[in-house]
N, C-alpha and C. Protein backbone atom coordinates (compact mmCIF):
# COMPACT_ATOMS: atom_id res chain seq x y z
N MET A 1 1.00 -12.19 27.03
CA MET A 1 1.25 -11.19 25.87
C MET A 1 0.78 -12.08 24.56
N PRO A 2 -0.23 -11.32 23.71
CA PRO A 2 -0.70 -11.60 22.80
C PRO A 2 0.67 -11.77 21.70
N ALA A 3 0.97 -12.71 20.80
CA ALA A 3 1.80 -12.94 19.69
C ALA A 3 1.74 -11.75 19.01
N ARG A 4 2.87 -11.08 18.38
CA ARG A 4 2.92 -9.83 17.04
C ARG A 4 2.93 -10.17 15.74
N LEU A 5 1.71 -9.85 15.37
CA LEU A 5 1.36 -10.12 13.80
C LEU A 5 1.97 -9.56 12.88
N PRO A 6 2.45 -9.58 11.97
CA PRO A 6 3.07 -8.81 10.90
C PRO A 6 2.10 -8.12 10.27
N PHE A 7 1.72 -6.65 10.07
CA PHE A 7 1.18 -6.19 9.25
C PHE A 7 2.03 -4.88 8.39
N ARG A 8 1.84 -5.27 6.92
CA ARG A 8 2.07 -4.61 5.87
C ARG A 8 1.60 -4.16 5.08
N SER A 9 1.33 -2.84 4.73
CA SER A 9 0.73 -2.25 3.69
C SER A 9 1.20 -2.44 2.26
N PHE A 10 0.00 -2.68 1.97
CA PHE A 10 0.05 -3.22 0.18
C PHE A 10 -0.04 -1.82 -0.62
N LEU A 11 -0.08 -0.94 0.33
CA LEU A 11 -0.26 0.41 -0.48
C LEU A 11 0.69 0.48 -1.63
N ALA A 12 2.02 0.50 -1.36
CA ALA A 12 3.04 0.68 -2.66
C ALA A 12 2.53 -0.07 -3.81
N ALA A 13 2.54 -1.44 -3.94
CA ALA A 13 2.17 -2.09 -5.02
C ALA A 13 0.87 -1.86 -5.24
N VAL A 14 -0.46 -1.16 -4.79
CA VAL A 14 -1.31 -1.15 -5.61
C VAL A 14 -1.41 0.16 -6.42
N LEU A 15 -0.60 1.32 -5.70
CA LEU A 15 -0.45 2.54 -6.07
C LEU A 15 0.64 2.21 -7.28
N ALA A 16 1.84 1.60 -7.22
CA ALA A 16 2.36 1.53 -8.88
C ALA A 16 1.75 0.52 -9.19
N ALA A 17 0.62 -0.77 -9.57
CA ALA A 17 0.18 -0.89 -10.18
C ALA A 17 -1.27 0.35 -10.78
N GLY A 18 -1.35 0.66 -9.95
CA GLY A 18 -2.64 1.73 -10.48
C GLY A 18 -1.67 3.08 -11.40
N SER A 19 -0.73 3.07 -11.03
CA SER A 19 0.02 4.33 -11.64
C SER A 19 0.55 3.94 -12.88
N ALA A 20 0.67 2.41 -12.74
CA ALA A 20 1.19 1.98 -14.51
C ALA A 20 0.27 2.38 -15.20
N ALA A 21 -0.88 1.49 -15.02
CA ALA A 21 -2.48 1.54 -15.83
C ALA A 21 -2.36 2.82 -16.13
N PHE A 22 -2.82 3.81 -15.40
CA PHE A 22 -3.01 5.22 -15.46
C PHE A 22 -1.92 5.69 -16.56
N LEU A 23 -0.56 6.13 -16.43
CA LEU A 23 0.70 6.25 -17.25
C LEU A 23 0.73 5.81 -18.59
N ALA A 24 0.24 4.35 -18.79
CA ALA A 24 -0.28 4.23 -20.09
C ALA A 24 -1.26 4.86 -21.18
N GLN A 25 -2.32 5.13 -20.24
CA GLN A 25 -3.25 6.10 -20.91
C GLN A 25 -3.12 7.32 -20.78
N ALA A 26 -2.26 8.09 -20.22
CA ALA A 26 -2.13 9.62 -20.30
C ALA A 26 -0.82 9.81 -19.43
N GLU A 27 -0.50 11.05 -19.71
CA GLU A 27 0.75 11.80 -19.55
C GLU A 27 0.60 12.18 -17.87
N GLY A 28 0.80 11.54 -16.93
CA GLY A 28 0.70 12.01 -15.70
C GLY A 28 1.59 11.36 -14.92
N ARG A 29 1.96 11.91 -13.68
CA ARG A 29 2.54 11.61 -12.67
C ARG A 29 2.05 11.66 -11.30
N ILE A 30 1.93 10.42 -10.26
CA ILE A 30 1.83 10.67 -9.14
C ILE A 30 2.97 10.64 -7.99
N GLY A 31 3.22 11.67 -6.52
CA GLY A 31 4.05 11.06 -5.77
C GLY A 31 3.38 10.19 -4.85
N LEU A 32 4.01 9.52 -3.81
CA LEU A 32 4.02 8.83 -2.70
C LEU A 32 5.01 9.16 -1.77
N GLN A 33 4.52 9.54 -0.49
CA GLN A 33 5.89 9.65 0.67
C GLN A 33 4.83 9.32 1.82
N PRO A 34 5.71 8.05 2.32
CA PRO A 34 6.71 7.28 2.45
C PRO A 34 6.22 6.07 0.90
N ALA A 35 7.11 5.46 0.30
CA ALA A 35 6.62 4.68 -0.49
C ALA A 35 6.39 3.28 -0.04
N SER A 36 7.00 2.98 0.99
CA SER A 36 5.97 2.07 1.68
C SER A 36 6.04 1.98 3.20
N VAL A 37 5.72 1.14 3.44
CA VAL A 37 5.46 1.37 4.85
C VAL A 37 5.32 -0.34 5.80
N GLU A 38 5.89 -0.72 6.47
CA GLU A 38 5.70 -2.13 7.08
C GLU A 38 5.74 -2.07 8.69
N LEU A 39 4.98 -2.16 9.16
CA LEU A 39 4.35 -2.23 10.48
C LEU A 39 4.54 -3.33 11.00
N GLU A 40 5.01 -3.88 12.51
CA GLU A 40 4.71 -4.71 13.11
C GLU A 40 3.68 -4.78 14.49
N LEU A 41 2.17 -5.23 14.81
CA LEU A 41 1.53 -4.42 15.79
C LEU A 41 0.72 -5.93 16.53
N ASP A 42 0.35 -5.52 17.87
CA ASP A 42 -0.18 -6.81 18.54
C ASP A 42 -2.07 -6.78 18.05
N PRO A 43 -2.76 -7.35 18.21
CA PRO A 43 -3.92 -7.65 17.75
C PRO A 43 -4.49 -6.72 17.85
N GLY A 44 -5.33 -6.09 17.52
CA GLY A 44 -6.27 -4.91 17.70
C GLY A 44 -5.69 -3.64 18.46
N GLU A 45 -4.24 -3.67 18.47
CA GLU A 45 -3.30 -2.19 18.97
C GLU A 45 -3.57 -1.06 17.80
N PRO A 46 -3.78 -0.27 18.15
CA PRO A 46 -4.39 1.30 16.85
C PRO A 46 -2.84 1.47 16.73
N MET A 47 -2.89 2.09 15.44
CA MET A 47 -1.77 2.50 14.61
C MET A 47 -2.07 3.70 13.76
N ARG A 48 -1.49 4.82 13.70
CA ARG A 48 -1.48 6.12 12.71
C ARG A 48 -0.48 6.05 11.68
N GLN A 49 -0.66 6.14 10.62
CA GLN A 49 0.34 6.53 9.96
C GLN A 49 -0.04 7.21 8.36
N VAL A 50 0.51 8.24 8.55
CA VAL A 50 0.44 9.05 7.37
C VAL A 50 1.08 8.91 6.13
N VAL A 51 0.11 8.68 5.05
CA VAL A 51 0.95 8.89 3.74
C VAL A 51 0.28 10.17 2.64
N THR A 52 1.22 10.48 1.94
CA THR A 52 0.52 11.77 1.07
C THR A 52 0.84 10.93 -0.03
N ILE A 53 -0.05 11.67 -0.95
CA ILE A 53 -0.07 11.11 -2.74
C ILE A 53 -0.51 12.49 -3.01
N ALA A 54 0.32 12.79 -4.05
CA ALA A 54 0.00 14.14 -5.13
C ALA A 54 0.25 13.85 -6.13
N ASN A 55 -0.46 14.60 -6.87
CA ASN A 55 -0.55 14.47 -8.27
C ASN A 55 0.44 15.68 -8.86
N LEU A 56 1.39 15.11 -9.36
CA LEU A 56 2.81 16.12 -9.73
C LEU A 56 2.34 16.37 -10.91
N ASP A 57 1.16 16.08 -12.06
CA ASP A 57 1.06 16.67 -13.13
C ASP A 57 -0.71 17.28 -12.92
N PRO A 58 -0.85 18.28 -12.36
CA PRO A 58 -2.47 19.09 -12.32
C PRO A 58 -2.77 18.81 -13.47
N ALA A 59 -2.35 19.18 -14.84
CA ALA A 59 -2.82 19.30 -15.76
C ALA A 59 -3.65 17.82 -16.51
N HIS A 60 -3.50 16.62 -15.70
CA HIS A 60 -4.02 15.57 -15.79
C HIS A 60 -4.63 14.96 -14.43
N PRO A 61 -5.76 14.93 -14.38
CA PRO A 61 -6.42 14.54 -13.17
C PRO A 61 -6.30 12.82 -12.96
N VAL A 62 -6.27 12.54 -11.64
CA VAL A 62 -5.50 11.37 -11.46
C VAL A 62 -6.70 10.73 -10.34
N SER A 63 -6.63 9.40 -10.75
CA SER A 63 -7.98 8.57 -9.60
C SER A 63 -6.96 7.51 -9.32
N VAL A 64 -6.95 7.68 -7.68
CA VAL A 64 -6.24 6.74 -7.15
C VAL A 64 -7.05 5.66 -6.28
N SER A 65 -7.23 4.48 -5.87
CA SER A 65 -7.49 3.58 -5.24
C SER A 65 -6.58 3.00 -3.94
N LEU A 66 -6.54 3.06 -2.77
CA LEU A 66 -5.71 2.83 -1.69
C LEU A 66 -6.33 1.20 -1.12
N THR A 67 -5.43 0.47 -0.82
CA THR A 67 -5.90 -0.66 -0.21
C THR A 67 -4.56 -0.86 0.84
N LEU A 68 -4.92 -1.83 2.16
CA LEU A 68 -4.15 -2.03 3.03
C LEU A 68 -4.82 -3.56 3.48
N ALA A 69 -3.94 -4.38 3.67
CA ALA A 69 -4.18 -5.71 3.55
C ALA A 69 -2.69 -6.56 4.59
N ASP A 70 -3.33 -7.39 5.26
CA ASP A 70 -1.88 -8.11 5.96
C ASP A 70 -1.71 -9.24 5.03
N TRP A 71 -0.12 -9.58 5.00
CA TRP A 71 0.55 -10.70 4.14
C TRP A 71 1.46 -10.77 4.30
N ALA A 72 2.05 -11.97 4.08
CA ALA A 72 3.47 -12.41 3.89
C ALA A 72 3.85 -13.31 2.87
N TYR A 73 5.27 -13.61 2.73
CA TYR A 73 5.93 -14.03 1.38
C TYR A 73 5.41 -15.63 2.05
N ASP A 74 5.39 -16.44 0.76
CA ASP A 74 5.48 -18.06 1.14
C ASP A 74 6.74 -18.50 0.61
N GLU A 75 6.96 -19.78 0.54
CA GLU A 75 8.57 -20.30 0.40
C GLU A 75 8.67 -19.72 -1.04
N ASP A 76 8.04 -19.78 -1.94
CA ASP A 76 8.57 -19.12 -2.98
C ASP A 76 8.53 -17.85 -3.67
N GLY A 77 8.67 -16.88 -2.47
CA GLY A 77 8.22 -15.46 -2.73
C GLY A 77 7.21 -14.77 -3.29
N ALA A 78 6.26 -15.64 -3.18
CA ALA A 78 4.96 -15.01 -3.81
C ALA A 78 4.10 -14.16 -2.46
N PRO A 79 3.45 -13.13 -2.67
CA PRO A 79 2.90 -12.46 -1.76
C PRO A 79 1.36 -13.68 -1.10
N VAL A 80 1.27 -13.84 0.46
CA VAL A 80 -0.36 -14.59 0.34
C VAL A 80 -0.79 -13.39 1.51
N PHE A 81 -2.23 -13.36 0.80
CA PHE A 81 -2.72 -12.37 1.94
C PHE A 81 -3.71 -12.92 2.73
N THR A 82 -3.76 -12.56 3.60
CA THR A 82 -4.80 -13.14 4.95
C THR A 82 -6.12 -12.13 5.34
N PRO A 83 -7.08 -12.62 5.60
CA PRO A 83 -8.07 -11.79 6.11
C PRO A 83 -7.51 -10.58 7.61
N ALA A 84 -7.67 -9.60 7.61
CA ALA A 84 -7.46 -8.55 9.06
C ALA A 84 -7.41 -9.30 10.26
N GLY A 85 -6.33 -9.40 11.17
CA GLY A 85 -6.79 -9.76 12.27
C GLY A 85 -6.59 -10.92 12.57
N GLU A 86 -6.37 -11.61 11.12
CA GLU A 86 -6.25 -13.28 11.47
C GLU A 86 -4.54 -13.20 11.61
């Protein structure tokens, strides 16, 4: 049986950073459901997870970029990113 590798979406942090930058420039709000996703998968195992992103202020258009990444915390608590599948 292959070793189980942690797969964690970096989605919440990316959206938080992006929305913070956006909110600094304009009055707008976005919603994210669920706020974060953490999954454990075997290498090559397919997974489907639905994430809903909504512009809560249609008067202000929002541009959002999403990124998924494999990562874990190091001994200092900082995220360490690894290429997908490693």
